[in-house]
Amino acid sequence: MTFLRVAQAATFMGVSDDTVRRWIEQGALTGQKNSVGHTVVDGAELAELARRNAVSPEDPARVSSSARNRLVGLVTAVKSDPVMSQVELQCGPHRIVSLMSTEAVEELGLEPGSVATAVVKSTAVIVETEGRK
């Protein structure tokens, strides 16, 4: 079981330490003391709270798709040459960078300030954790 300190939980939830402490006081999370006296929360319980509280902007594409990893965001930069372009999106706290043809950028009308959806195919997602022995 993974336990996270209040500051870590706050970072993952995008809130202040005080907000996490209020959630514990209100019963939204269960806090307990670890072996050195720090307040910690169960990582699985925090993950469930994150899932329940997640708010995603409406996907402007409004298409049916088998892809489940769809991140709606704001285009923040487009760098193009005659053939290829680099497009940056800010999807909540996440910066997503995509390389595509300049033709695709022009067809999609991508420019800073545009709303777009980044679709990530799960077979190309790498998951890392801290080293464990």
C-alpha atoms as a PDB file:
ATOM      1  CA  MET A   1       0.000   0.000   0.000  1.00  0.00           C
ATOM      2  CA  THR A   2       1.316   3.480  -0.861  1.00  0.00           C
ATOM      3  CA  PHE A   3       0.973   6.315   1.630  1.00  0.00           C
ATOM      4  CA  LEU A   4       1.547   9.936   0.660  1.00  0.00           C
ATOM      5  CA  ARG A   5       2.345  12.868   2.891  1.00  0.00           C
ATOM      6  CA  VAL A   6      -0.071  15.793   2.859  1.00  0.00           C
ATOM      7  CA  ALA A   7       2.239  17.947   0.699  1.00  0.00           C
ATOM      8  CA  GLN A   8       2.591  15.161  -1.891  1.00  0.00           C
ATOM      9  CA  ALA A   9      -1.171  14.606  -1.972  1.00  0.00           C
ATOM     10  CA  ALA A  10      -1.690  18.349  -2.450  1.00  0.00           C
ATOM     11  CA  THR A  11       0.744  18.410  -5.363  1.00  0.00           C
ATOM     12  CA  PHE A  12      -0.998  15.528  -7.139  1.00  0.00           C
ATOM     13  CA  MET A  13      -4.439  17.068  -6.603  1.00  0.00           C
ATOM     14  CA  GLY A  14      -3.369  20.596  -7.600  1.00  0.00           C
ATOM     15  CA  VAL A  15      -4.492  22.090  -4.277  1.00  0.00           C
ATOM     16  CA  SER A  16      -2.858  23.499  -1.150  1.00  0.00           C
ATOM     17  CA  ASP A  17      -1.723  21.473   1.849  1.00  0.00           C
ATOM     18  CA  ASP A  18      -4.490  23.177   3.846  1.00  0.00           C
ATOM     19  CA  THR A  19      -7.123  21.887   1.417  1.00  0.00           C
ATOM     20  CA  VAL A  20      -5.916  18.302   1.914  1.00  0.00           C
ATOM     21  CA  ARG A  21      -5.999  18.813   5.690  1.00  0.00           C
ATOM     22  CA  ARG A  22      -9.605  20.115   5.374  1.00  0.00           C
ATOM     23  CA  TRP A  23     -10.538  17.044   3.321  1.00  0.00           C
ATOM     24  CA  ILE A  24      -9.172  14.887   6.136  1.00  0.00           C
ATOM     25  CA  GLU A  25     -11.097  16.892   8.779  1.00  0.00           C
ATOM     26  CA  GLN A  26     -14.300  16.647   6.685  1.00  0.00           C
ATOM     27  CA  GLY A  27     -13.895  12.901   6.127  1.00  0.00           C
ATOM     28  CA  ALA A  28     -13.300  13.090   2.371  1.00  0.00           C
ATOM     29  CA  LEU A  29      -9.893  11.449   3.006  1.00  0.00           C
ATOM     30  CA  THR A  30      -8.648   9.314   5.857  1.00  0.00           C
ATOM     31  CA  GLY A  31      -5.498  10.644   7.463  1.00  0.00           C
ATOM     32  CA  GLN A  32      -3.204   8.729   9.756  1.00  0.00           C
ATOM     33  CA  LYS A  33       0.221   9.233  11.315  1.00  0.00           C
ATOM     34  CA  ASN A  34       3.234   7.419   9.899  1.00  0.00           C
ATOM     35  CA  SER A  35       6.129   6.053  11.978  1.00  0.00           C
ATOM     36  CA  VAL A  36       7.737   9.500  12.311  1.00  0.00           C
ATOM     37  CA  GLY A  37       4.499  11.331  13.127  1.00  0.00           C
ATOM     38  CA  HIS A  38       3.702  12.877   9.732  1.00  0.00           C
ATOM     39  CA  THR A  39       0.101  12.831   8.513  1.00  0.00           C
ATOM     40  CA  VAL A  40      -0.282  10.567   5.490  1.00  0.00           C
ATOM     41  CA  VAL A  41      -3.150   9.456   3.252  1.00  0.00           C
ATOM     42  CA  ASP A  42      -3.663   6.187   1.425  1.00  0.00           C
ATOM     43  CA  GLY A  43      -2.612   6.581  -2.226  1.00  0.00           C
ATOM     44  CA  ALA A  44      -5.495   4.415  -3.471  1.00  0.00           C
ATOM     45  CA  GLU A  45      -8.026   6.534  -1.571  1.00  0.00           C
ATOM     46  CA  LEU A  46      -6.458   9.706  -2.997  1.00  0.00           C
ATOM     47  CA  ALA A  47      -6.604   8.222  -6.508  1.00  0.00           C
ATOM     48  CA  GLU A  48     -10.323   7.511  -6.099  1.00  0.00           C
ATOM     49  CA  LEU A  49     -10.926  11.078  -4.887  1.00  0.00           C
ATOM     50  CA  ALA A  50      -8.988  12.400  -7.891  1.00  0.00           C
ATOM     51  CA  ARG A  51     -11.091  10.291 -10.247  1.00  0.00           C
ATOM     52  CA  ARG A  52     -14.375  11.447  -8.667  1.00  0.00           C
ATOM     53  CA  ASN A  53     -13.335  15.115  -8.751  1.00  0.00           C
ATOM     54  CA  ALA A  54     -11.807  15.119 -12.243  1.00  0.00           C
ATOM     55  CA  VAL A  55     -13.286  17.747 -14.507  1.00  0.00           C
ATOM     56  CA  SER A  56     -12.385  17.587 -18.181  1.00  0.00           C
ATOM     57  CA  PRO A  57     -13.378  20.223 -20.682  1.00  0.00           C
ATOM     58  CA  GLU A  58     -15.825  19.002 -23.309  1.00  0.00           C
ATOM     59  CA  ASP A  59     -14.026  17.423 -26.238  1.00  0.00           C
ATOM     60  CA  PRO A  60     -14.632  19.818 -29.147  1.00  0.00           C
ATOM     61  CA  ALA A  61     -14.229  16.989 -31.678  1.00  0.00           C
ATOM     62  CA  ARG A  62     -17.436  15.295 -30.474  1.00  0.00           C
ATOM     63  CA  VAL A  63     -16.436  12.061 -32.190  1.00  0.00           C
ATOM     64  CA  SER A  64     -16.775   8.447 -31.165  1.00  0.00           C
ATOM     65  CA  SER A  65     -13.391   6.842 -30.684  1.00  0.00           C
ATOM     66  CA  SER A  66     -11.804   3.764 -29.189  1.00  0.00           C
ATOM     67  CA  ALA A  67      -9.059   5.959 -27.713  1.00  0.00           C
ATOM     68  CA  ARG A  68      -9.630   6.545 -24.005  1.00  0.00           C
ATOM     69  CA  ASN A  69      -6.687   8.869 -23.391  1.00  0.00           C
ATOM     70  CA  ARG A  70      -8.081  12.135 -24.725  1.00  0.00           C
ATOM     71  CA  LEU A  71      -6.705  15.376 -23.286  1.00  0.00           C
ATOM     72  CA  VAL A  72      -8.511  18.581 -24.226  1.00  0.00           C
ATOM     73  CA  GLY A  73      -6.297  21.627 -24.052  1.00  0.00           C
ATOM     74  CA  LEU A  74      -5.210  24.954 -25.376  1.00  0.00           C
ATOM     75  CA  VAL A  75      -2.613  25.249 -28.143  1.00  0.00           C
ATOM     76  CA  THR A  76       0.207  27.344 -26.663  1.00  0.00           C
ATOM     77  CA  ALA A  77       2.797  27.242 -29.459  1.00  0.00           C
ATOM     78  CA  VAL A  78       3.235  26.129 -33.061  1.00  0.00           C
ATOM     79  CA  LYS A  79       6.691  25.963 -34.655  1.00  0.00           C
ATOM     80  CA  SER A  80       6.638  25.100 -38.344  1.00  0.00           C
ATOM     81  CA  ASP A  81       8.972  24.613 -41.265  1.00  0.00           C
ATOM     82  CA  PRO A  82       7.772  23.806 -44.793  1.00  0.00           C
ATOM     83  CA  VAL A  83       7.320  20.087 -43.978  1.00  0.00           C
ATOM     84  CA  MET A  84       6.967  19.471 -40.217  1.00  0.00           C
ATOM     85  CA  SER A  85       5.518  21.298 -37.218  1.00  0.00           C
ATOM     86  CA  GLN A  86       5.783  21.052 -33.459  1.00  0.00           C
ATOM     87  CA  VAL A  87       2.528  21.792 -31.640  1.00  0.00           C
ATOM     88  CA  GLU A  88       2.380  22.357 -27.876  1.00  0.00           C
ATOM     89  CA  LEU A  89      -0.837  22.025 -25.892  1.00  0.00           C
ATOM     90  CA  GLN A  90      -1.491  22.822 -22.256  1.00  0.00           C
ATOM     91  CA  CYS A  91      -3.991  20.231 -21.018  1.00  0.00           C
ATOM     92  CA  GLY A  92      -4.676  21.179 -17.412  1.00  0.00           C
ATOM     93  CA  PRO A  93      -1.315  20.960 -15.657  1.00  0.00           C
ATOM     94  CA  HIS A  94       0.164  18.833 -18.457  1.00  0.00           C
ATOM     95  CA  ARG A  95       2.230  20.072 -21.405  1.00  0.00           C
ATOM     96  CA  ILE A  96       1.721  17.840 -24.437  1.00  0.00           C
ATOM     97  CA  VAL A  97       3.998  18.159 -27.484  1.00  0.00           C
ATOM     98  CA  SER A  98       3.082  16.673 -30.863  1.00  0.00           C
ATOM     99  CA  LEU A  99       5.052  16.480 -34.102  1.00  0.00           C
ATOM    100  CA  MET A 100       2.959  16.483 -37.263  1.00  0.00           C
ATOM    101  CA  SER A 101       3.063  17.664 -40.841  1.00  0.00           C
ATOM    102  CA  THR A 102       2.709  21.362 -41.474  1.00  0.00           C
ATOM    103  CA  GLU A 103      -0.085  20.429 -43.876  1.00  0.00           C
ATOM    104  CA  ALA A 104      -2.025  18.877 -40.945  1.00  0.00           C
ATOM    105  CA  VAL A 105      -1.474  22.001 -38.816  1.00  0.00           C
ATOM    106  CA  GLU A 106      -2.886  24.151 -41.599  1.00  0.00           C
ATOM    107  CA  GLU A 107      -5.864  21.823 -42.249  1.00  0.00           C
ATOM    108  CA  LEU A 108      -6.718  21.742 -38.525  1.00  0.00           C
ATOM    109  CA  GLY A 109      -6.274  25.499 -38.158  1.00  0.00           C
ATOM    110  CA  LEU A 110      -3.937  25.041 -35.194  1.00  0.00           C
ATOM    111  CA  GLU A 111      -2.545  28.263 -33.762  1.00  0.00           C
ATOM    112  CA  PRO A 112      -1.873  29.599 -30.265  1.00  0.00           C
ATOM    113  CA  GLY A 113      -5.224  29.969 -28.524  1.00  0.00           C
ATOM    114  CA  SER A 114      -6.942  27.160 -30.449  1.00  0.00           C
ATOM    115  CA  VAL A 115      -8.711  24.433 -28.480  1.00  0.00           C
ATOM    116  CA  ALA A 116      -7.635  20.942 -29.500  1.00  0.00           C
ATOM    117  CA  THR A 117      -7.636  17.373 -28.208  1.00  0.00           C
ATOM    118  CA  ALA A 118      -4.478  15.301 -27.809  1.00  0.00           C
ATOM    119  CA  VAL A 119      -5.196  11.600 -28.280  1.00  0.00           C
ATOM    120  CA  VAL A 120      -2.630   9.214 -26.806  1.00  0.00           C
ATOM    121  CA  LYS A 121      -2.722   5.565 -27.855  1.00  0.00           C
ATOM    122  CA  SER A 122      -2.086   3.443 -24.775  1.00  0.00           C
ATOM    123  CA  THR A 123       0.358   1.131 -26.546  1.00  0.00           C
ATOM    124  CA  ALA A 124       2.770   4.063 -26.766  1.00  0.00           C
ATOM    125  CA  VAL A 125       2.563   5.203 -23.130  1.00  0.00           C
ATOM    126  CA  ILE A 126       5.563   4.505 -20.898  1.00  0.00           C
ATOM    127  CA  VAL A 127       4.902   4.310 -17.145  1.00  0.00           C
ATOM    128  CA  GLU A 128       7.763   4.868 -14.698  1.00  0.00           C
ATOM    129  CA  THR A 129       8.053   4.722 -10.921  1.00  0.00           C
ATOM    130  CA  GLU A 130      10.813   5.225  -8.396  1.00  0.00           C
ATOM    131  CA  GLY A 131      13.266   2.327  -8.365  1.00  0.00           C
ATOM    132  CA  ARG A 132      12.272  -0.445  -5.952  1.00  0.00           C
ATOM    133  CA  LYS A 133      14.293  -3.413  -4.827  1.00  0.00           C
END
